[in-house]
N, C-alpha and C. Protein backbone atom coordinates (compact mmCIF):
# COMPACT_ATOMS: atom_id res chain seq x y z
N MET A 1 -54.04 89.00 1.61
CA MET A 1 -54.54 87.81 2.27
C MET A 1 -54.53 88.01 3.79
N ALA A 2 -53.42 88.55 4.31
CA ALA A 2 -53.31 88.75 5.75
C ALA A 2 -54.28 89.83 6.23
N LYS A 3 -54.47 90.87 5.39
CA LYS A 3 -55.39 91.93 5.76
C LYS A 3 -56.83 91.41 5.81
N THR A 4 -57.16 90.52 4.88
CA THR A 4 -58.50 89.93 4.86
C THR A 4 -58.72 89.08 6.11
N ALA A 5 -57.72 88.29 6.46
CA ALA A 5 -57.83 87.45 7.66
C ALA A 5 -57.95 88.32 8.91
N LEU A 6 -57.19 89.39 8.97
CA LEU A 6 -57.26 90.30 10.12
C LEU A 6 -58.64 90.94 10.20
N PHE A 7 -59.15 91.39 9.06
CA PHE A 7 -60.48 92.01 9.04
C PHE A 7 -61.54 91.01 9.51
N CYS A 8 -61.46 89.77 9.03
CA CYS A 8 -62.43 88.74 9.44
C CYS A 8 -62.33 88.48 10.94
N ALA A 9 -61.11 88.45 11.46
CA ALA A 9 -60.94 88.21 12.89
C ALA A 9 -61.55 89.35 13.71
N VAL A 10 -61.37 90.57 13.24
CA VAL A 10 -61.94 91.72 13.95
C VAL A 10 -63.46 91.67 13.90
N VAL A 11 -64.02 91.35 12.73
CA VAL A 11 -65.47 91.29 12.60
C VAL A 11 -66.06 90.20 13.49
N VAL A 12 -65.43 89.03 13.49
CA VAL A 12 -65.93 87.93 14.32
C VAL A 12 -65.83 88.29 15.80
N THR A 13 -64.71 88.88 16.20
CA THR A 13 -64.55 89.29 17.60
C THR A 13 -65.58 90.33 18.00
N ALA A 14 -65.80 91.30 17.12
CA ALA A 14 -66.79 92.32 17.41
C ALA A 14 -68.19 91.72 17.50
N SER A 15 -68.49 90.80 16.62
CA SER A 15 -69.81 90.15 16.65
C SER A 15 -70.00 89.37 17.94
N LEU A 16 -68.99 88.62 18.32
CA LEU A 16 -69.10 87.83 19.55
C LEU A 16 -69.24 88.73 20.77
N CYS A 17 -68.48 89.82 20.77
CA CYS A 17 -68.59 90.75 21.90
C CYS A 17 -69.97 91.39 21.93
N GLY A 18 -70.50 91.72 20.76
CA GLY A 18 -71.84 92.31 20.69
C GLY A 18 -72.91 91.36 21.16
N VAL A 19 -72.78 90.08 20.77
CA VAL A 19 -73.75 89.07 21.21
C VAL A 19 -73.66 88.87 22.71
N ALA A 20 -72.46 88.80 23.22
CA ALA A 20 -72.30 88.62 24.66
C ALA A 20 -72.83 89.83 25.41
N TRP A 21 -72.61 91.01 24.89
CA TRP A 21 -73.10 92.23 25.52
C TRP A 21 -74.63 92.24 25.52
N ALA A 22 -75.19 91.81 24.40
CA ALA A 22 -76.65 91.79 24.30
C ALA A 22 -77.23 90.76 25.27
N GLU A 23 -76.61 89.60 25.39
CA GLU A 23 -77.10 88.59 26.32
C GLU A 23 -76.97 89.08 27.76
N HIS A 24 -75.89 89.73 28.02
CA HIS A 24 -75.66 90.25 29.36
C HIS A 24 -76.71 91.30 29.72
N SER A 25 -77.00 92.16 28.77
CA SER A 25 -78.01 93.20 29.01
C SER A 25 -79.39 92.59 29.16
N ALA A 26 -79.67 91.52 28.41
CA ALA A 26 -80.98 90.88 28.46
C ALA A 26 -81.20 90.18 29.80
N GLU A 27 -80.15 89.74 30.42
CA GLU A 27 -80.30 89.05 31.71
C GLU A 27 -80.69 90.03 32.81
N GLY A 28 -80.42 91.28 32.58
CA GLY A 28 -80.87 92.29 33.53
C GLY A 28 -79.97 92.47 34.73
N GLU A 29 -78.73 92.12 34.63
CA GLU A 29 -77.83 92.34 35.76
C GLU A 29 -77.48 93.81 35.81
N ALA A 30 -77.84 94.43 36.84
CA ALA A 30 -77.58 95.85 36.98
C ALA A 30 -76.27 96.04 37.74
N GLY A 31 -75.30 96.70 37.08
CA GLY A 31 -74.05 97.02 37.75
C GLY A 31 -73.19 95.81 38.05
N GLY A 32 -73.36 94.69 37.32
CA GLY A 32 -72.54 93.50 37.54
C GLY A 32 -71.10 93.75 37.11
N SER A 33 -70.20 92.99 37.64
CA SER A 33 -68.79 93.18 37.30
C SER A 33 -68.28 91.99 36.50
N GLY A 34 -69.07 91.50 35.56
CA GLY A 34 -68.67 90.36 34.74
C GLY A 34 -67.68 90.79 33.66
N LEU A 35 -67.30 89.83 32.86
CA LEU A 35 -66.34 90.07 31.80
C LEU A 35 -66.87 91.06 30.77
N PHE A 36 -68.15 90.98 30.45
CA PHE A 36 -68.74 91.84 29.44
C PHE A 36 -69.69 92.85 30.07
N SER A 37 -69.30 93.44 31.17
CA SER A 37 -70.18 94.38 31.84
C SER A 37 -70.02 95.81 31.31
N GLY A 38 -69.10 96.03 30.34
CA GLY A 38 -68.91 97.36 29.78
C GLY A 38 -69.96 97.69 28.75
N THR A 39 -69.85 98.86 28.19
CA THR A 39 -70.80 99.29 27.17
C THR A 39 -70.32 98.83 25.80
N PHE A 40 -71.19 98.97 24.81
CA PHE A 40 -70.82 98.58 23.45
C PHE A 40 -69.69 99.47 22.94
N GLY A 41 -69.70 100.72 23.34
CA GLY A 41 -68.62 101.64 22.96
C GLY A 41 -67.27 101.19 23.49
N ASP A 42 -67.25 100.65 24.72
CA ASP A 42 -66.00 100.12 25.28
C ASP A 42 -65.48 98.95 24.44
N THR A 43 -66.41 98.14 23.98
CA THR A 43 -66.02 96.99 23.16
C THR A 43 -65.39 97.46 21.85
N ILE A 44 -66.00 98.45 21.22
CA ILE A 44 -65.47 98.97 19.96
C ILE A 44 -64.09 99.58 20.18
N TRP A 45 -63.91 100.37 21.26
CA TRP A 45 -62.61 100.98 21.54
C TRP A 45 -61.56 99.91 21.84
N THR A 46 -61.95 98.86 22.52
CA THR A 46 -61.00 97.78 22.82
C THR A 46 -60.55 97.10 21.53
N ILE A 47 -61.50 96.83 20.65
CA ILE A 47 -61.16 96.19 19.37
C ILE A 47 -60.29 97.12 18.53
N ALA A 48 -60.62 98.41 18.51
CA ALA A 48 -59.81 99.37 17.75
C ALA A 48 -58.38 99.43 18.30
N ALA A 49 -58.24 99.45 19.62
CA ALA A 49 -56.90 99.47 20.22
C ALA A 49 -56.13 98.20 19.89
N PHE A 50 -56.82 97.08 19.88
CA PHE A 50 -56.18 95.81 19.54
C PHE A 50 -55.71 95.81 18.09
N VAL A 51 -56.53 96.32 17.19
CA VAL A 51 -56.15 96.38 15.78
C VAL A 51 -54.96 97.31 15.59
N VAL A 52 -54.96 98.46 16.26
CA VAL A 52 -53.83 99.38 16.16
C VAL A 52 -52.56 98.70 16.70
N LEU A 53 -52.70 98.00 17.80
CA LEU A 53 -51.55 97.27 18.35
C LEU A 53 -51.02 96.24 17.36
N LEU A 54 -51.92 95.50 16.71
CA LEU A 54 -51.49 94.52 15.72
C LEU A 54 -50.76 95.18 14.56
N VAL A 55 -51.28 96.31 14.09
CA VAL A 55 -50.65 97.00 12.97
C VAL A 55 -49.26 97.51 13.36
N VAL A 56 -49.16 98.12 14.53
CA VAL A 56 -47.87 98.67 14.98
C VAL A 56 -46.87 97.54 15.19
N LEU A 57 -47.29 96.48 15.84
CA LEU A 57 -46.37 95.35 16.05
C LEU A 57 -45.98 94.70 14.73
N GLY A 58 -46.95 94.60 13.82
CA GLY A 58 -46.65 94.02 12.52
C GLY A 58 -45.62 94.82 11.76
N LYS A 59 -45.70 96.13 11.85
CA LYS A 59 -44.79 96.98 11.10
C LYS A 59 -43.42 97.09 11.77
N PHE A 60 -43.41 97.29 13.06
CA PHE A 60 -42.15 97.57 13.74
C PHE A 60 -41.52 96.38 14.44
N ALA A 61 -42.23 95.31 14.63
CA ALA A 61 -41.65 94.17 15.32
C ALA A 61 -41.62 92.93 14.43
N TRP A 62 -42.71 92.63 13.79
CA TRP A 62 -42.81 91.37 13.05
C TRP A 62 -41.90 91.35 11.82
N LYS A 63 -41.92 92.42 11.01
CA LYS A 63 -41.10 92.44 9.80
C LYS A 63 -39.61 92.38 10.11
N PRO A 64 -39.08 93.18 11.05
CA PRO A 64 -37.66 93.04 11.37
C PRO A 64 -37.31 91.67 11.94
N LEU A 65 -38.21 91.13 12.73
CA LEU A 65 -37.97 89.79 13.30
C LEU A 65 -37.91 88.75 12.18
N LEU A 66 -38.84 88.82 11.25
CA LEU A 66 -38.83 87.87 10.13
C LEU A 66 -37.60 88.04 9.25
N SER A 67 -37.20 89.28 9.00
CA SER A 67 -36.02 89.48 8.16
C SER A 67 -34.77 88.93 8.86
N GLY A 68 -34.67 89.11 10.16
CA GLY A 68 -33.55 88.54 10.90
C GLY A 68 -33.55 87.03 10.88
N LEU A 69 -34.73 86.44 11.03
CA LEU A 69 -34.83 84.98 10.99
C LEU A 69 -34.52 84.43 9.60
N ASN A 70 -34.97 85.14 8.56
CA ASN A 70 -34.66 84.70 7.20
C ASN A 70 -33.17 84.80 6.91
N ALA A 71 -32.53 85.86 7.39
CA ALA A 71 -31.08 85.99 7.21
C ALA A 71 -30.35 84.87 7.94
N ARG A 72 -30.80 84.57 9.13
CA ARG A 72 -30.18 83.48 9.89
C ARG A 72 -30.36 82.14 9.19
N GLN A 73 -31.56 81.92 8.64
CA GLN A 73 -31.83 80.67 7.93
C GLN A 73 -30.93 80.54 6.71
N SER A 74 -30.78 81.60 5.93
CA SER A 74 -29.92 81.53 4.74
C SER A 74 -28.45 81.32 5.15
N HIS A 75 -28.03 81.94 6.25
CA HIS A 75 -26.66 81.74 6.73
C HIS A 75 -26.44 80.29 7.15
N ILE A 76 -27.39 79.71 7.84
CA ILE A 76 -27.27 78.31 8.27
C ILE A 76 -27.27 77.38 7.07
N GLU A 77 -28.14 77.66 6.07
CA GLU A 77 -28.16 76.84 4.87
C GLU A 77 -26.83 76.90 4.14
N GLN A 78 -26.23 78.10 4.09
CA GLN A 78 -24.93 78.27 3.46
C GLN A 78 -23.86 77.49 4.21
N GLN A 79 -23.90 77.53 5.54
CA GLN A 79 -22.93 76.78 6.33
C GLN A 79 -23.10 75.27 6.13
N LEU A 80 -24.34 74.81 6.06
CA LEU A 80 -24.58 73.38 5.83
C LEU A 80 -24.04 72.95 4.46
N LYS A 81 -24.26 73.79 3.45
CA LYS A 81 -23.75 73.46 2.12
C LYS A 81 -22.23 73.43 2.13
N SER A 82 -21.62 74.40 2.80
CA SER A 82 -20.16 74.44 2.90
C SER A 82 -19.63 73.21 3.64
N ALA A 83 -20.32 72.82 4.71
CA ALA A 83 -19.89 71.63 5.46
C ALA A 83 -20.01 70.37 4.61
N GLU A 84 -21.08 70.28 3.83
CA GLU A 84 -21.26 69.11 2.96
C GLU A 84 -20.17 69.07 1.89
N ASP A 85 -19.84 70.23 1.31
CA ASP A 85 -18.77 70.29 0.32
C ASP A 85 -17.43 69.88 0.94
N SER A 86 -17.18 70.34 2.15
CA SER A 86 -15.93 69.98 2.85
C SER A 86 -15.88 68.49 3.14
N ARG A 87 -17.03 67.92 3.52
CA ARG A 87 -17.07 66.48 3.80
C ARG A 87 -16.75 65.67 2.54
N VAL A 88 -17.34 66.07 1.41
CA VAL A 88 -17.10 65.36 0.15
C VAL A 88 -15.63 65.48 -0.24
N LYS A 89 -15.08 66.70 -0.09
CA LYS A 89 -13.66 66.90 -0.41
C LYS A 89 -12.78 66.05 0.50
N ALA A 90 -13.11 65.98 1.79
CA ALA A 90 -12.33 65.18 2.73
C ALA A 90 -12.40 63.70 2.38
N GLU A 91 -13.58 63.23 1.96
CA GLU A 91 -13.70 61.82 1.55
C GLU A 91 -12.83 61.52 0.33
N HIS A 92 -12.81 62.46 -0.62
CA HIS A 92 -11.95 62.25 -1.80
C HIS A 92 -10.48 62.23 -1.40
N LEU A 93 -10.08 63.14 -0.54
CA LEU A 93 -8.69 63.17 -0.07
C LEU A 93 -8.34 61.89 0.67
N LEU A 94 -9.27 61.40 1.49
CA LEU A 94 -9.02 60.16 2.22
C LEU A 94 -8.82 59.00 1.25
N GLY A 95 -9.64 58.94 0.24
CA GLY A 95 -9.48 57.88 -0.77
C GLY A 95 -8.15 57.99 -1.48
N ASP A 96 -7.75 59.23 -1.83
CA ASP A 96 -6.45 59.42 -2.49
C ASP A 96 -5.31 58.99 -1.57
N TYR A 97 -5.36 59.38 -0.31
CA TYR A 97 -4.31 59.04 0.63
C TYR A 97 -4.26 57.53 0.90
N LYS A 98 -5.41 56.88 0.91
CA LYS A 98 -5.42 55.42 1.08
C LYS A 98 -4.72 54.76 -0.10
N GLN A 99 -5.01 55.25 -1.30
CA GLN A 99 -4.37 54.66 -2.49
C GLN A 99 -2.87 54.92 -2.45
N GLN A 100 -2.45 56.11 -2.05
CA GLN A 100 -1.02 56.41 -1.96
C GLN A 100 -0.36 55.51 -0.92
N GLY A 101 -1.04 55.31 0.20
CA GLY A 101 -0.49 54.43 1.25
C GLY A 101 -0.37 53.00 0.76
N LEU A 102 -1.39 52.52 0.06
CA LEU A 102 -1.32 51.15 -0.48
C LEU A 102 -0.20 51.01 -1.50
N SER A 103 -0.03 52.02 -2.34
CA SER A 103 1.04 51.93 -3.34
C SER A 103 2.41 51.97 -2.65
N LEU A 104 2.56 52.77 -1.58
CA LEU A 104 3.83 52.79 -0.85
C LEU A 104 4.12 51.44 -0.19
N VAL A 105 3.09 50.84 0.39
CA VAL A 105 3.27 49.52 1.02
C VAL A 105 3.64 48.49 -0.04
N GLN A 106 2.98 48.56 -1.20
CA GLN A 106 3.28 47.62 -2.28
C GLN A 106 4.72 47.81 -2.78
N GLN A 107 5.14 49.06 -2.93
CA GLN A 107 6.52 49.33 -3.35
C GLN A 107 7.52 48.82 -2.32
N ALA A 108 7.20 49.03 -1.05
CA ALA A 108 8.10 48.56 0.01
C ALA A 108 8.19 47.04 0.01
N MET A 109 7.06 46.36 -0.21
CA MET A 109 7.08 44.89 -0.26
C MET A 109 7.89 44.40 -1.45
N GLU A 110 7.73 45.05 -2.61
CA GLU A 110 8.51 44.66 -3.79
C GLU A 110 10.00 44.88 -3.55
N GLN A 111 10.32 46.01 -2.94
CA GLN A 111 11.72 46.31 -2.65
C GLN A 111 12.27 45.30 -1.64
N ALA A 112 11.47 44.94 -0.65
CA ALA A 112 11.93 43.94 0.33
C ALA A 112 12.13 42.59 -0.33
N GLN A 113 11.26 42.22 -1.26
CA GLN A 113 11.43 40.93 -1.95
C GLN A 113 12.69 40.95 -2.82
N ARG A 114 12.95 42.07 -3.50
CA ARG A 114 14.17 42.17 -4.30
C ARG A 114 15.42 42.07 -3.41
N TYR A 115 15.35 42.75 -2.28
CA TYR A 115 16.48 42.72 -1.37
C TYR A 115 16.68 41.30 -0.84
N GLN A 116 15.59 40.61 -0.55
CA GLN A 116 15.67 39.23 -0.06
C GLN A 116 16.28 38.33 -1.13
N GLN A 117 15.85 38.53 -2.38
CA GLN A 117 16.40 37.72 -3.47
C GLN A 117 17.90 38.00 -3.66
N GLU A 118 18.26 39.28 -3.56
CA GLU A 118 19.67 39.64 -3.70
C GLU A 118 20.50 38.99 -2.59
N MET A 119 19.98 39.01 -1.39
CA MET A 119 20.71 38.42 -0.26
C MET A 119 20.79 36.90 -0.43
N ALA A 120 19.72 36.30 -0.95
CA ALA A 120 19.74 34.85 -1.15
C ALA A 120 20.78 34.50 -2.23
N GLU A 121 20.89 35.31 -3.29
CA GLU A 121 21.88 35.03 -4.34
C GLU A 121 23.30 35.22 -3.81
N LYS A 122 23.52 36.24 -2.98
CA LYS A 122 24.83 36.45 -2.41
C LYS A 122 25.20 35.28 -1.49
N ALA A 123 24.23 34.79 -0.76
CA ALA A 123 24.50 33.67 0.14
C ALA A 123 24.85 32.42 -0.66
N ARG A 124 24.19 32.23 -1.80
CA ARG A 124 24.50 31.07 -2.67
C ARG A 124 25.89 31.19 -3.28
N GLU A 125 26.24 32.39 -3.69
CA GLU A 125 27.54 32.62 -4.32
C GLU A 125 28.68 32.41 -3.33
N GLU A 126 28.43 32.75 -2.09
CA GLU A 126 29.48 32.61 -1.09
C GLU A 126 29.66 31.14 -0.67
N THR A 127 28.66 30.35 -0.84
CA THR A 127 28.80 28.96 -0.43
C THR A 127 29.30 28.06 -1.50
């Protein structure tokens, strides 16, 4: 798919350069220094050099760059999953600790009420 797109881009670029070269030649500018003042051979060599550059960059720069980015993406996804798991675990622990705290407070209140009742009975017995 990418090779087909690259080929189409080269063909379209070459066609456009050829049309511009033909228009430039038809206008009759002799020795002008415009953008398309070169020969058709120069255009072909420029396109060939551009295609070679794309191939070399694609092989030696683009693939390693993409593999590095994909590795980084998978590492970040793994860290996000780990963080989400830690958050869920922390929420469960918080709920457990809240229940333990409530039960301790309830036990302390019951113990305080028993102690109060015991003190009230001792006070009655002494009077």
